[in-house]
Amino acid sequence: MKNKAIYLYNSQNLISALDELREMGLITGQLTKNALIEYIWKNYPQVAKKHNL
């Protein structure tokens, strides 16, 4: 999972990165994607703003 964390960190488009992780089966469903977005907003608001989450 470490490689995926690096992938998300370096991503130009965080939403697309989350979608790709879902397609790869590493996150499941919209609920998990939304939970990750909430986590990013809570812990990394500057990143969330940059990526228009």
N, C-alpha and C. Protein backbone atom coordinates (compact mmCIF):
# COMPACT_ATOMS: atom_id res chain seq x y z
N MET A 1 0.83 -1.20 0.00
CA MET A 1 0.00 0.00 0.00
C MET A 1 0.87 1.26 0.00
N LYS A 2 2.13 1.14 0.38
CA LYS A 2 3.02 2.30 0.41
C LYS A 2 3.12 2.96 -0.96
N ASN A 3 3.24 2.16 -2.02
CA ASN A 3 3.31 2.71 -3.37
C ASN A 3 2.06 3.50 -3.69
N LYS A 4 0.92 3.05 -3.24
CA LYS A 4 -0.33 3.75 -3.51
C LYS A 4 -0.37 5.08 -2.77
N ALA A 5 0.19 5.12 -1.56
CA ALA A 5 0.24 6.37 -0.82
C ALA A 5 1.10 7.39 -1.55
N ILE A 6 2.21 6.93 -2.08
CA ILE A 6 3.07 7.82 -2.86
C ILE A 6 2.34 8.29 -4.10
N TYR A 7 1.62 7.40 -4.73
CA TYR A 7 0.85 7.74 -5.93
C TYR A 7 -0.16 8.84 -5.62
N LEU A 8 -0.89 8.71 -4.52
CA LEU A 8 -1.86 9.74 -4.14
C LEU A 8 -1.17 11.05 -3.82
N TYR A 9 -0.06 10.98 -3.12
CA TYR A 9 0.65 12.19 -2.70
C TYR A 9 1.14 12.98 -3.91
N ASN A 10 1.62 12.30 -4.92
CA ASN A 10 2.19 12.96 -6.08
C ASN A 10 1.17 13.24 -7.18
N SER A 11 -0.05 12.83 -6.98
CA SER A 11 -1.07 12.95 -8.02
C SER A 11 -1.41 14.41 -8.32
N GLN A 12 -1.59 14.70 -9.59
CA GLN A 12 -2.05 16.02 -10.02
C GLN A 12 -3.55 16.16 -9.79
N ASN A 13 -4.28 15.06 -9.90
CA ASN A 13 -5.72 15.07 -9.74
C ASN A 13 -6.10 13.99 -8.74
N LEU A 14 -6.35 14.40 -7.51
CA LEU A 14 -6.60 13.46 -6.42
C LEU A 14 -7.86 12.64 -6.65
N ILE A 15 -8.91 13.24 -7.18
CA ILE A 15 -10.15 12.49 -7.44
C ILE A 15 -9.89 11.37 -8.44
N SER A 16 -9.16 11.64 -9.49
CA SER A 16 -8.83 10.60 -10.47
C SER A 16 -7.99 9.51 -9.84
N ALA A 17 -7.07 9.90 -8.97
CA ALA A 17 -6.23 8.91 -8.29
C ALA A 17 -7.08 8.00 -7.42
N LEU A 18 -8.04 8.57 -6.70
CA LEU A 18 -8.93 7.75 -5.87
C LEU A 18 -9.77 6.82 -6.74
N ASP A 19 -10.26 7.32 -7.87
CA ASP A 19 -11.03 6.49 -8.79
C ASP A 19 -10.19 5.33 -9.31
N GLU A 20 -8.94 5.60 -9.64
CA GLU A 20 -8.05 4.54 -10.14
C GLU A 20 -7.79 3.50 -9.06
N LEU A 21 -7.61 3.92 -7.82
CA LEU A 21 -7.43 2.96 -6.73
C LEU A 21 -8.67 2.10 -6.57
N ARG A 22 -9.84 2.69 -6.74
CA ARG A 22 -11.09 1.93 -6.65
C ARG A 22 -11.17 0.92 -7.79
N GLU A 23 -10.81 1.33 -9.00
CA GLU A 23 -10.82 0.42 -10.14
C GLU A 23 -9.84 -0.73 -9.95
N MET A 24 -8.74 -0.46 -9.26
CA MET A 24 -7.74 -1.49 -9.00
C MET A 24 -8.18 -2.42 -7.86
N GLY A 25 -9.27 -2.09 -7.20
CA GLY A 25 -9.78 -2.91 -6.12
C GLY A 25 -9.14 -2.64 -4.77
N LEU A 26 -8.37 -1.56 -4.67
CA LEU A 26 -7.71 -1.25 -3.41
C LEU A 26 -8.60 -0.47 -2.46
N ILE A 27 -9.57 0.22 -2.99
CA ILE A 27 -10.64 0.79 -2.17
C ILE A 27 -11.94 0.33 -2.81
N THR A 28 -12.95 0.12 -1.99
CA THR A 28 -14.19 -0.42 -2.52
C THR A 28 -15.33 0.56 -2.33
N GLY A 29 -16.00 0.84 -3.40
CA GLY A 29 -17.22 1.62 -3.36
C GLY A 29 -17.05 3.10 -3.14
N GLN A 30 -18.13 3.80 -3.39
CA GLN A 30 -18.18 5.25 -3.24
C GLN A 30 -18.03 5.65 -1.78
N LEU A 31 -18.55 4.83 -0.86
CA LEU A 31 -18.49 5.16 0.56
C LEU A 31 -17.04 5.27 1.03
N THR A 32 -16.19 4.34 0.62
CA THR A 32 -14.78 4.40 1.00
C THR A 32 -14.11 5.62 0.40
N LYS A 33 -14.43 5.91 -0.85
CA LYS A 33 -13.86 7.09 -1.51
C LYS A 33 -14.26 8.35 -0.74
N ASN A 34 -15.52 8.44 -0.36
CA ASN A 34 -15.99 9.60 0.39
C ASN A 34 -15.31 9.69 1.76
N ALA A 35 -15.09 8.55 2.40
CA ALA A 35 -14.41 8.54 3.70
C ALA A 35 -12.98 9.05 3.55
N LEU A 36 -12.30 8.65 2.48
CA LEU A 36 -10.94 9.15 2.23
C LEU A 36 -10.94 10.65 1.99
N ILE A 37 -11.93 11.14 1.26
CA ILE A 37 -12.03 12.58 1.01
C ILE A 37 -12.25 13.33 2.32
N GLU A 38 -13.12 12.80 3.19
CA GLU A 38 -13.35 13.43 4.50
C GLU A 38 -12.07 13.44 5.33
N TYR A 39 -11.34 12.33 5.30
CA TYR A 39 -10.07 12.24 6.03
C TYR A 39 -9.09 13.30 5.54
N ILE A 40 -9.00 13.45 4.22
CA ILE A 40 -8.09 14.44 3.65
C ILE A 40 -8.51 15.84 4.08
N TRP A 41 -9.81 16.15 4.04
CA TRP A 41 -10.29 17.47 4.47
C TRP A 41 -9.94 17.73 5.94
N LYS A 42 -10.12 16.70 6.77
CA LYS A 42 -9.89 16.87 8.20
C LYS A 42 -8.40 17.05 8.52
N ASN A 43 -7.55 16.26 7.87
CA ASN A 43 -6.14 16.23 8.22
C ASN A 43 -5.23 17.04 7.31
N TYR A 44 -5.67 17.28 6.09
CA TYR A 44 -4.85 18.01 5.11
C TYR A 44 -5.70 18.99 4.33
N PRO A 45 -6.28 19.99 5.01
CA PRO A 45 -7.20 20.91 4.32
C PRO A 45 -6.57 21.65 3.15
N GLN A 46 -5.27 21.93 3.24
CA GLN A 46 -4.62 22.62 2.14
C GLN A 46 -4.58 21.75 0.89
N VAL A 47 -4.41 20.45 1.06
CA VAL A 47 -4.43 19.52 -0.07
C VAL A 47 -5.84 19.42 -0.64
N ALA A 48 -6.83 19.35 0.24
CA ALA A 48 -8.22 19.26 -0.21
C ALA A 48 -8.61 20.50 -1.01
N LYS A 49 -8.20 21.66 -0.55
CA LYS A 49 -8.50 22.89 -1.29
C LYS A 49 -7.80 22.91 -2.64
N LYS A 50 -6.53 22.50 -2.65
CA LYS A 50 -5.76 22.48 -3.89
C LYS A 50 -6.42 21.60 -4.95
N HIS A 51 -7.00 20.49 -4.51
CA HIS A 51 -7.60 19.52 -5.44
C HIS A 51 -9.12 19.69 -5.56
N ASN A 52 -9.65 20.75 -4.99
CA ASN A 52 -11.10 21.03 -5.06
C ASN A 52 -11.95 19.84 -4.63
N LEU A 53 -11.58 19.27 -3.48
CA LEU A 53 -12.38 18.17 -2.97
C LEU A 53 -13.61 18.74 -2.30
